[in-house]
Each structure stands twice: as C-alpha cells, then as structure tokens.
Amino acid sequence: GFATQGLANHIAKWGQKYKDKGVAIAYDSRNMSEEFAKTTAL
C-alpha cells in the first residue's frame, strides 16, 4: 500500500493526462500475488 500510494503520487505529478493513460497490473502464482494485485489496483 505504501509503495502504491507513492507511485500514485508520482504519477499525479505528471498531470491528468498520465493518470488517464493508466497502469497495467499482472500477477503470478505466488502466495498473496492475486491479493496484492487487487490491493494495488484499488
């Protein structure tokens, strides 16, 4: 959560255009990968 909020704040500095471009998220089979991916997305 801390890392994602930091990334979000960084992207916000680039402006609305870059927030609209978006972020793609993938995950592998490791324990908690899917949960962390959804946490990140939200």
All heavy atoms as atom14 arrays in JSON, in Angstrom:
{
  "sequence": "GFATQGLANHIAKWGQKYKDKGVAIAYDSRNMSEEFAKTTAL",
  "atom14_mask": [
    [1, 1, 1, 1, 0, 0, 0, 0, 0, 0, 0, 0, 0, 0],
    [1, 1, 1, 1, 1, 1, 1, 1, 1, 1, 1, 0, 0, 0],
    [1, 1, 1, 1, 1, 0, 0, 0, 0, 0, 0, 0, 0, 0],
    [1, 1, 1, 1, 1, 1, 1, 0, 0, 0, 0, 0, 0, 0],
    [1, 1, 1, 1, 1, 1, 1, 1, 1, 0, 0, 0, 0, 0],
    [1, 1, 1, 1, 0, 0, 0, 0, 0, 0, 0, 0, 0, 0],
    [1, 1, 1, 1, 1, 1, 1, 1, 0, 0, 0, 0, 0, 0],
    [1, 1, 1, 1, 1, 0, 0, 0, 0, 0, 0, 0, 0, 0],
    [1, 1, 1, 1, 1, 1, 1, 1, 0, 0, 0, 0, 0, 0],
    [1, 1, 1, 1, 1, 1, 1, 1, 1, 1, 0, 0, 0, 0],
    [1, 1, 1, 1, 1, 1, 1, 1, 0, 0, 0, 0, 0, 0],
    [1, 1, 1, 1, 1, 0, 0, 0, 0, 0, 0, 0, 0, 0],
    [1, 1, 1, 1, 1, 1, 1, 1, 1, 0, 0, 0, 0, 0],
    [1, 1, 1, 1, 1, 1, 1, 1, 1, 1, 1, 1, 1, 1],
    [1, 1, 1, 1, 0, 0, 0, 0, 0, 0, 0, 0, 0, 0],
    [1, 1, 1, 1, 1, 1, 1, 1, 1, 0, 0, 0, 0, 0],
    [1, 1, 1, 1, 1, 1, 1, 1, 1, 0, 0, 0, 0, 0],
    [1, 1, 1, 1, 1, 1, 1, 1, 1, 1, 1, 1, 0, 0],
    [1, 1, 1, 1, 1, 1, 1, 1, 1, 0, 0, 0, 0, 0],
    [1, 1, 1, 1, 1, 1, 1, 1, 0, 0, 0, 0, 0, 0],
    [1, 1, 1, 1, 1, 1, 1, 1, 1, 0, 0, 0, 0, 0],
    [1, 1, 1, 1, 0, 0, 0, 0, 0, 0, 0, 0, 0, 0],
    [1, 1, 1, 1, 1, 1, 1, 0, 0, 0, 0, 0, 0, 0],
    [1, 1, 1, 1, 1, 0, 0, 0, 0, 0, 0, 0, 0, 0],
    [1, 1, 1, 1, 1, 1, 1, 1, 0, 0, 0, 0, 0, 0],
    [1, 1, 1, 1, 1, 0, 0, 0, 0, 0, 0, 0, 0, 0],
    [1, 1, 1, 1, 1, 1, 1, 1, 1, 1, 1, 1, 0, 0],
    [1, 1, 1, 1, 1, 1, 1, 1, 0, 0, 0, 0, 0, 0],
    [1, 1, 1, 1, 1, 1, 0, 0, 0, 0, 0, 0, 0, 0],
    [1, 1, 1, 1, 1, 1, 1, 1, 1, 1, 1, 0, 0, 0],
    [1, 1, 1, 1, 1, 1, 1, 1, 0, 0, 0, 0, 0, 0],
    [1, 1, 1, 1, 1, 1, 1, 1, 0, 0, 0, 0, 0, 0],
    [1, 1, 1, 1, 1, 1, 0, 0, 0, 0, 0, 0, 0, 0],
    [1, 1, 1, 1, 1, 1, 1, 1, 1, 0, 0, 0, 0, 0],
    [1, 1, 1, 1, 1, 1, 1, 1, 1, 0, 0, 0, 0, 0],
    [1, 1, 1, 1, 1, 1, 1, 1, 1, 1, 1, 0, 0, 0],
    [1, 1, 1, 1, 1, 0, 0, 0, 0, 0, 0, 0, 0, 0],
    [1, 1, 1, 1, 1, 1, 1, 1, 1, 0, 0, 0, 0, 0],
    [1, 1, 1, 1, 1, 1, 1, 0, 0, 0, 0, 0, 0, 0],
    [1, 1, 1, 1, 1, 1, 1, 0, 0, 0, 0, 0, 0, 0],
    [1, 1, 1, 1, 1, 0, 0, 0, 0, 0, 0, 0, 0, 0],
    [1, 1, 1, 1, 1, 1, 1, 1, 0, 0, 0, 0, 0, 0]
  ],
  "atom14_positions": [
    [[0.81, -1.21, 0.0], [0.0, 0.0, 0.0], [0.84, 1.26, 0.0], [0.56, 2.21, -0.75], [0.0, 0.0, 0.0], [0.0, 0.0, 0.0], [0.0, 0.0, 0.0], [0.0, 0.0, 0.0], [0.0, 0.0, 0.0], [0.0, 0.0, 0.0], [0.0, 0.0, 0.0], [0.0, 0.0, 0.0], [0.0, 0.0, 0.0], [0.0, 0.0, 0.0]],
    [[1.87, 1.3, 0.83], [2.76, 2.46, 0.85], [3.42, 2.67, -0.52], [3.49, 3.79, -1.03], [3.84, 2.29, 1.92], [3.4, 2.67, 3.31], [3.09, 1.68, 4.24], [3.3, 3.99, 3.69], [2.67, 2.02, 5.52], [2.89, 4.34, 4.97], [2.58, 3.36, 5.9], [0.0, 0.0, 0.0], [0.0, 0.0, 0.0], [0.0, 0.0, 0.0]],
    [[3.9, 1.56, -1.11], [4.57, 1.66, -2.41], [3.6, 2.16, -3.48], [3.96, 3.01, -4.31], [5.14, 0.3, -2.8], [0.0, 0.0, 0.0], [0.0, 0.0, 0.0], [0.0, 0.0, 0.0], [0.0, 0.0, 0.0], [0.0, 0.0, 0.0], [0.0, 0.0, 0.0], [0.0, 0.0, 0.0], [0.0, 0.0, 0.0], [0.0, 0.0, 0.0]],
    [[2.38, 1.64, -3.46], [1.4, 2.02, -4.48], [0.97, 3.47, -4.33], [0.83, 4.19, -5.32], [0.18, 1.09, -4.43], [0.61, -0.27, -4.53], [-0.77, 1.39, -5.57], [0.0, 0.0, 0.0], [0.0, 0.0, 0.0], [0.0, 0.0, 0.0], [0.0, 0.0, 0.0], [0.0, 0.0, 0.0], [0.0, 0.0, 0.0], [0.0, 0.0, 0.0]],
    [[0.76, 3.91, -3.09], [0.39, 5.31, -2.89], [1.53, 6.22, -3.34], [1.3, 7.28, -3.93], [0.05, 5.56, -1.42], [-0.51, 6.96, -1.15], [-1.81, 7.21, -1.89], [-2.75, 6.45, -1.78], [-1.85, 8.3, -2.66], [0.0, 0.0, 0.0], [0.0, 0.0, 0.0], [0.0, 0.0, 0.0], [0.0, 0.0, 0.0], [0.0, 0.0, 0.0]],
    [[2.77, 5.81, -3.08], [3.91, 6.59, -3.54], [3.95, 6.67, -5.06], [4.21, 7.74, -5.65], [0.0, 0.0, 0.0], [0.0, 0.0, 0.0], [0.0, 0.0, 0.0], [0.0, 0.0, 0.0], [0.0, 0.0, 0.0], [0.0, 0.0, 0.0], [0.0, 0.0, 0.0], [0.0, 0.0, 0.0], [0.0, 0.0, 0.0], [0.0, 0.0, 0.0]],
    [[3.69, 5.54, -5.73], [3.64, 5.53, -7.2], [2.51, 6.42, -7.69], [2.68, 7.18, -8.66], [3.45, 4.09, -7.69], [3.24, 3.93, -9.21], [4.45, 4.42, -9.99], [2.94, 2.47, -9.54], [0.0, 0.0, 0.0], [0.0, 0.0, 0.0], [0.0, 0.0, 0.0], [0.0, 0.0, 0.0], [0.0, 0.0, 0.0], [0.0, 0.0, 0.0]],
    [[1.35, 6.33, -7.05], [0.2, 7.15, -7.45], [0.53, 8.64, -7.32], [0.19, 9.45, -8.21], [-1.02, 6.8, -6.6], [0.0, 0.0, 0.0], [0.0, 0.0, 0.0], [0.0, 0.0, 0.0], [0.0, 0.0, 0.0], [0.0, 0.0, 0.0], [0.0, 0.0, 0.0], [0.0, 0.0, 0.0], [0.0, 0.0, 0.0], [0.0, 0.0, 0.0]],
    [[1.18, 9.02, -6.23], [1.56, 10.42, -6.04], [2.54, 10.87, -7.11], [2.49, 12.01, -7.58], [2.16, 10.62, -4.65], [1.14, 10.43, -3.54], [-0.06, 10.38, -3.78], [1.62, 10.29, -2.31], [0.0, 0.0, 0.0], [0.0, 0.0, 0.0], [0.0, 0.0, 0.0], [0.0, 0.0, 0.0], [0.0, 0.0, 0.0], [0.0, 0.0, 0.0]],
    [[3.44, 9.96, -7.49], [4.42, 10.27, -8.54], [3.72, 10.48, -9.88], [4.01, 11.45, -10.61], [5.44, 9.13, -8.63], [6.47, 9.32, -9.7], [7.47, 10.25, -9.61], [6.66, 8.66, -10.88], [8.24, 10.19, -10.7], [7.76, 9.24, -11.48], [0.0, 0.0, 0.0], [0.0, 0.0, 0.0], [0.0, 0.0, 0.0], [0.0, 0.0, 0.0]],
    [[2.79, 9.6, -10.21], [2.06, 9.72, -11.48], [1.23, 11.0, -11.49], [1.15, 11.7, -12.52], [1.16, 8.48, -11.7], [2.03, 7.24, -11.95], [0.21, 8.7, -12.88], [1.26, 5.94, -12.01], [0.0, 0.0, 0.0], [0.0, 0.0, 0.0], [0.0, 0.0, 0.0], [0.0, 0.0, 0.0], [0.0, 0.0, 0.0], [0.0, 0.0, 0.0]],
    [[0.62, 11.34, -10.36], [-0.21, 12.54, -10.27], [0.58, 13.79, -10.62], [0.03, 14.76, -11.18], [-0.82, 12.66, -8.88], [0.0, 0.0, 0.0], [0.0, 0.0, 0.0], [0.0, 0.0, 0.0], [0.0, 0.0, 0.0], [0.0, 0.0, 0.0], [0.0, 0.0, 0.0], [0.0, 0.0, 0.0], [0.0, 0.0, 0.0], [0.0, 0.0, 0.0]],
    [[1.86, 13.8, -10.31], [2.7, 14.96, -10.61], [2.84, 15.17, -12.12], [3.15, 16.28, -12.57], [4.08, 14.79, -9.98], [4.1, 14.99, -8.48], [5.52, 14.95, -7.93], [5.55, 15.31, -6.45], [6.94, 15.29, -5.91], [0.0, 0.0, 0.0], [0.0, 0.0, 0.0], [0.0, 0.0, 0.0], [0.0, 0.0, 0.0], [0.0, 0.0, 0.0]],
    [[2.63, 14.11, -12.9], [2.73, 14.23, -14.35], [1.46, 14.84, -14.94], [1.45, 15.21, -16.12], [2.98, 12.86, -14.96], [4.34, 12.32, -14.7], [4.85, 11.91, -13.49], [5.39, 12.11, -15.64], [6.15, 11.47, -13.63], [6.5, 11.58, -14.95], [5.51, 12.33, -17.01], [7.71, 11.26, -15.57], [6.7, 12.0, -17.65], [7.79, 11.48, -16.93]],
    [[0.38, 14.88, -14.16], [-0.84, 15.51, -14.63], [-1.95, 14.52, -15.0], [-1.73, 13.31, -15.06], [0.0, 0.0, 0.0], [0.0, 0.0, 0.0], [0.0, 0.0, 0.0], [0.0, 0.0, 0.0], [0.0, 0.0, 0.0], [0.0, 0.0, 0.0], [0.0, 0.0, 0.0], [0.0, 0.0, 0.0], [0.0, 0.0, 0.0], [0.0, 0.0, 0.0]],
    [[-3.13, 15.05, -15.26], [-4.3, 14.24, -15.54], [-4.11, 13.36, -16.77], [-4.6, 12.22, -16.81], [-5.52, 15.14, -15.74], [-6.83, 14.39, -15.84], [-7.17, 13.61, -14.57], [-6.98, 14.13, -13.46], [-7.63, 12.38, -14.72], [0.0, 0.0, 0.0], [0.0, 0.0, 0.0], [0.0, 0.0, 0.0], [0.0, 0.0, 0.0], [0.0, 0.0, 0.0]],
    [[-3.41, 13.83, -17.76], [-3.2, 13.06, -18.98], [-2.57, 11.72, -18.68], [-2.94, 10.68, -19.25], [-2.31, 13.85, -19.95], [-1.93, 13.11, -21.22], [-1.0, 13.95, -22.09], [-0.55, 13.18, -23.31], [0.39, 13.97, -24.16], [0.0, 0.0, 0.0], [0.0, 0.0, 0.0], [0.0, 0.0, 0.0], [0.0, 0.0, 0.0], [0.0, 0.0, 0.0]],
    [[-1.63, 11.71, -17.75], [-0.92, 10.48, -17.43], [-1.73, 9.59, -16.48], [-1.62, 8.36, -16.54], [0.46, 10.81, -16.85], [1.35, 11.42, -17.9], [1.45, 12.8, -18.03], [2.05, 10.62, -18.79], [2.24, 13.37, -19.02], [2.84, 11.18, -19.78], [2.93, 12.56, -19.89], [3.7, 13.11, -20.88], [0.0, 0.0, 0.0], [0.0, 0.0, 0.0]],
    [[-2.57, 10.19, -15.66], [-3.49, 9.39, -14.84], [-4.48, 8.67, -15.74], [-4.86, 7.51, -15.5], [-4.21, 10.28, -13.84], [-3.29, 10.87, -12.77], [-3.99, 11.91, -11.92], [-4.99, 11.31, -10.98], [-5.55, 12.31, -10.04], [0.0, 0.0, 0.0], [0.0, 0.0, 0.0], [0.0, 0.0, 0.0], [0.0, 0.0, 0.0], [0.0, 0.0, 0.0]],
    [[-4.88, 9.33, -16.82], [-5.82, 8.73, -17.76], [-5.18, 7.63, -18.6], [-5.86, 6.7, -19.04], [-6.41, 9.79, -18.69], [-7.33, 10.76, -17.95], [-7.78, 10.41, -16.84], [-7.58, 11.85, -18.5], [0.0, 0.0, 0.0], [0.0, 0.0, 0.0], [0.0, 0.0, 0.0], [0.0, 0.0, 0.0], [0.0, 0.0, 0.0], [0.0, 0.0, 0.0]],
    [[-3.87, 7.74, -18.84], [-3.18, 6.67, -19.58], [-3.27, 5.35, -18.84], [-3.41, 4.29, -19.45], [-1.7, 7.05, -19.8], [-1.44, 8.04, -20.91], [0.03, 8.34, -21.0], [0.34, 9.24, -22.19], [0.17, 8.52, -23.48], [0.0, 0.0, 0.0], [0.0, 0.0, 0.0], [0.0, 0.0, 0.0], [0.0, 0.0, 0.0], [0.0, 0.0, 0.0]],
    [[-3.16, 5.42, -17.54], [-3.39, 4.25, -16.71], [-2.19, 3.39, -16.41], [-1.08, 3.61, -16.91], [0.0, 0.0, 0.0], [0.0, 0.0, 0.0], [0.0, 0.0, 0.0], [0.0, 0.0, 0.0], [0.0, 0.0, 0.0], [0.0, 0.0, 0.0], [0.0, 0.0, 0.0], [0.0, 0.0, 0.0], [0.0, 0.0, 0.0], [0.0, 0.0, 0.0]],
    [[-2.44, 2.39, -15.59], [-1.43, 1.44, -15.13], [-1.95, 0.02, -15.36], [-3.1, -0.29, -15.02], [-1.12, 1.63, -13.63], [-0.11, 0.59, -13.14], [-0.6, 3.04, -13.37], [0.0, 0.0, 0.0], [0.0, 0.0, 0.0], [0.0, 0.0, 0.0], [0.0, 0.0, 0.0], [0.0, 0.0, 0.0], [0.0, 0.0, 0.0], [0.0, 0.0, 0.0]],
    [[-1.13, -0.84, -15.96], [-1.49, -2.24, -16.15], [-0.89, -3.07, -15.01], [0.23, -2.81, -14.57], [-0.97, -2.74, -17.5], [0.0, 0.0, 0.0], [0.0, 0.0, 0.0], [0.0, 0.0, 0.0], [0.0, 0.0, 0.0], [0.0, 0.0, 0.0], [0.0, 0.0, 0.0], [0.0, 0.0, 0.0], [0.0, 0.0, 0.0], [0.0, 0.0, 0.0]],
    [[-1.64, -4.06, -14.54], [-1.21, -4.88, -13.4], [-1.36, -6.36, -13.74], [-2.42, -6.8, -14.18], [-2.02, -4.56, -12.14], [-1.93, -3.08, -11.79], [-1.54, -5.41, -10.96], [-2.85, -2.66, -10.65], [0.0, 0.0, 0.0], [0.0, 0.0, 0.0], [0.0, 0.0, 0.0], [0.0, 0.0, 0.0], [0.0, 0.0, 0.0], [0.0, 0.0, 0.0]],
    [[-0.3, -7.12, -13.51], [-0.32, -8.57, -13.66], [0.2, -9.21, -12.38], [0.82, -8.54, -11.54], [0.52, -9.01, -14.85], [0.0, 0.0, 0.0], [0.0, 0.0, 0.0], [0.0, 0.0, 0.0], [0.0, 0.0, 0.0], [0.0, 0.0, 0.0], [0.0, 0.0, 0.0], [0.0, 0.0, 0.0], [0.0, 0.0, 0.0], [0.0, 0.0, 0.0]],
    [[-0.02, -10.5, -12.26], [0.47, -11.21, -11.08], [0.72, -12.67, -11.44], [0.15, -13.19, -12.39], [-0.51, -11.1, -9.91], [-1.9, -11.62, -10.19], [-2.25, -12.95, -9.91], [-2.88, -10.8, -10.73], [-3.53, -13.43, -10.16], [-4.16, -11.27, -10.98], [-4.48, -12.59, -10.7], [-5.73, -13.07, -10.95], [0.0, 0.0, 0.0], [0.0, 0.0, 0.0]],
    [[1.6, -13.3, -10.67], [1.92, -14.71, -10.93], [1.27, -15.6, -9.88], [0.31, -15.2, -9.21], [3.44, -14.92, -11.03], [4.16, -14.75, -9.7], [3.5, -14.5, -8.66], [5.39, -14.89, -9.67], [0.0, 0.0, 0.0], [0.0, 0.0, 0.0], [0.0, 0.0, 0.0], [0.0, 0.0, 0.0], [0.0, 0.0, 0.0], [0.0, 0.0, 0.0]],
    [[1.8, -16.8, -9.71], [1.16, -17.82, -8.87], [1.6, -17.79, -7.41], [1.16, -18.62, -6.61], [1.47, -19.21, -9.44], [2.89, -19.43, -9.46], [0.0, 0.0, 0.0], [0.0, 0.0, 0.0], [0.0, 0.0, 0.0], [0.0, 0.0, 0.0], [0.0, 0.0, 0.0], [0.0, 0.0, 0.0], [0.0, 0.0, 0.0], [0.0, 0.0, 0.0]],
    [[2.44, -16.86, -7.03], [2.94, -16.85, -5.66], [1.84, -16.57, -4.64], [0.82, -15.96, -4.95], [4.05, -15.79, -5.51], [5.35, -16.26, -6.11], [6.48, -15.28, -5.89], [7.7, -15.89, -6.43], [8.52, -16.67, -5.75], [8.26, -16.91, -4.47], [9.58, -17.2, -6.31], [0.0, 0.0, 0.0], [0.0, 0.0, 0.0], [0.0, 0.0, 0.0]],
    [[2.1, -17.02, -3.43], [1.16, -16.76, -2.34], [0.96, -15.26, -2.17], [1.93, -14.5, -2.12], [1.66, -17.38, -1.04], [1.73, -18.89, -1.09], [0.91, -19.53, -1.75], [2.7, -19.48, -0.41], [0.0, 0.0, 0.0], [0.0, 0.0, 0.0], [0.0, 0.0, 0.0], [0.0, 0.0, 0.0], [0.0, 0.0, 0.0], [0.0, 0.0, 0.0]],
    [[-0.27, -14.84, -2.11], [-0.7, -13.45, -1.93], [-0.57, -12.59, -3.19], [-0.9, -11.4, -3.15], [0.07, -12.78, -0.77], [-0.1, -13.45, 0.58], [-1.84, -13.49, 1.13], [-2.19, -11.75, 1.34], [0.0, 0.0, 0.0], [0.0, 0.0, 0.0], [0.0, 0.0, 0.0], [0.0, 0.0, 0.0], [0.0, 0.0, 0.0], [0.0, 0.0, 0.0]],
    [[-0.13, -13.17, -4.31], [0.04, -12.34, -5.51], [-1.28, -11.73, -5.97], [-1.35, -10.53, -6.28], [0.65, -13.17, -6.65], [2.03, -13.33, -6.48], [0.0, 0.0, 0.0], [0.0, 0.0, 0.0], [0.0, 0.0, 0.0], [0.0, 0.0, 0.0], [0.0, 0.0, 0.0], [0.0, 0.0, 0.0], [0.0, 0.0, 0.0], [0.0, 0.0, 0.0]],
    [[-2.32, -12.53, -6.05], [-3.61, -12.01, -6.51], [-4.14, -10.95, -5.55], [-4.65, -9.9, -5.98], [-4.62, -13.13, -6.68], [-5.95, -12.67, -7.25], [-6.91, -13.81, -7.54], [-6.55, -14.99, -7.28], [-8.02, -13.54, -8.03], [0.0, 0.0, 0.0], [0.0, 0.0, 0.0], [0.0, 0.0, 0.0], [0.0, 0.0, 0.0], [0.0, 0.0, 0.0]],
    [[-4.01, -11.2, -4.25], [-4.49, -10.24, -3.26], [-3.73, -8.92, -3.35], [-4.34, -7.84, -3.29], [-4.36, -10.82, -1.84], [-5.28, -12.01, -1.56], [-4.68, -13.35, -1.97], [-3.73, -13.37, -2.8], [-5.17, -14.37, -1.47], [0.0, 0.0, 0.0], [0.0, 0.0, 0.0], [0.0, 0.0, 0.0], [0.0, 0.0, 0.0], [0.0, 0.0, 0.0]],
    [[-2.41, -9.0, -3.49], [-1.61, -7.78, -3.61], [-1.96, -7.03, -4.89], [-1.96, -5.79, -4.92], [-0.12, -8.11, -3.58], [0.4, -8.61, -2.26], [1.62, -9.28, -2.18], [-0.3, -8.4, -1.09], [2.1, -9.74, -0.97], [0.17, -8.85, 0.15], [1.39, -9.52, 0.2], [0.0, 0.0, 0.0], [0.0, 0.0, 0.0], [0.0, 0.0, 0.0]],
    [[-2.22, -7.77, -5.96], [-2.57, -7.13, -7.24], [-3.87, -6.34, -7.1], [-3.97, -5.19, -7.58], [-2.69, -8.17, -8.34], [0.0, 0.0, 0.0], [0.0, 0.0, 0.0], [0.0, 0.0, 0.0], [0.0, 0.0, 0.0], [0.0, 0.0, 0.0], [0.0, 0.0, 0.0], [0.0, 0.0, 0.0], [0.0, 0.0, 0.0], [0.0, 0.0, 0.0]],
    [[-4.85, -6.92, -6.44], [-6.13, -6.23, -6.28], [-5.98, -5.04, -5.34], [-6.56, -3.97, -5.57], [-7.2, -7.18, -5.78], [-8.59, -6.54, -5.7], [-9.7, -7.56, -5.55], [-9.97, -8.27, -6.86], [-11.19, -9.13, -6.81], [0.0, 0.0, 0.0], [0.0, 0.0, 0.0], [0.0, 0.0, 0.0], [0.0, 0.0, 0.0], [0.0, 0.0, 0.0]],
    [[-5.22, -5.21, -4.27], [-4.94, -4.09, -3.36], [-4.33, -2.93, -4.12], [-4.73, -1.77, -3.97], [-4.0, -4.54, -2.22], [-4.64, -5.52, -1.41], [-3.58, -3.36, -1.35], [0.0, 0.0, 0.0], [0.0, 0.0, 0.0], [0.0, 0.0, 0.0], [0.0, 0.0, 0.0], [0.0, 0.0, 0.0], [0.0, 0.0, 0.0], [0.0, 0.0, 0.0]],
    [[-3.34, -3.25, -4.94], [-2.66, -2.24, -5.75], [-3.63, -1.53, -6.68], [-3.65, -0.29, -6.78], [-1.54, -2.91, -6.57], [-0.58, -3.49, -5.68], [-0.84, -1.9, -7.47], [0.0, 0.0, 0.0], [0.0, 0.0, 0.0], [0.0, 0.0, 0.0], [0.0, 0.0, 0.0], [0.0, 0.0, 0.0], [0.0, 0.0, 0.0], [0.0, 0.0, 0.0]],
    [[-4.46, -2.31, -7.36], [-5.41, -1.75, -8.32], [-6.37, -0.77, -7.65], [-6.64, 0.33, -8.16], [-6.18, -2.87, -9.01], [0.0, 0.0, 0.0], [0.0, 0.0, 0.0], [0.0, 0.0, 0.0], [0.0, 0.0, 0.0], [0.0, 0.0, 0.0], [0.0, 0.0, 0.0], [0.0, 0.0, 0.0], [0.0, 0.0, 0.0], [0.0, 0.0, 0.0]],
    [[-6.89, -1.15, -6.49], [-7.9, -0.31, -5.83], [-7.29, 0.96, -5.26], [-7.95, 2.01, -5.22], [-8.62, -1.12, -4.75], [-9.47, -2.28, -5.29], [-10.1, -3.07, -4.14], [-10.53, -1.79, -6.26], [0.0, 0.0, 0.0], [0.0, 0.0, 0.0], [0.0, 0.0, 0.0], [0.0, 0.0, 0.0], [0.0, 0.0, 0.0], [0.0, 0.0, 0.0]]
  ]
}
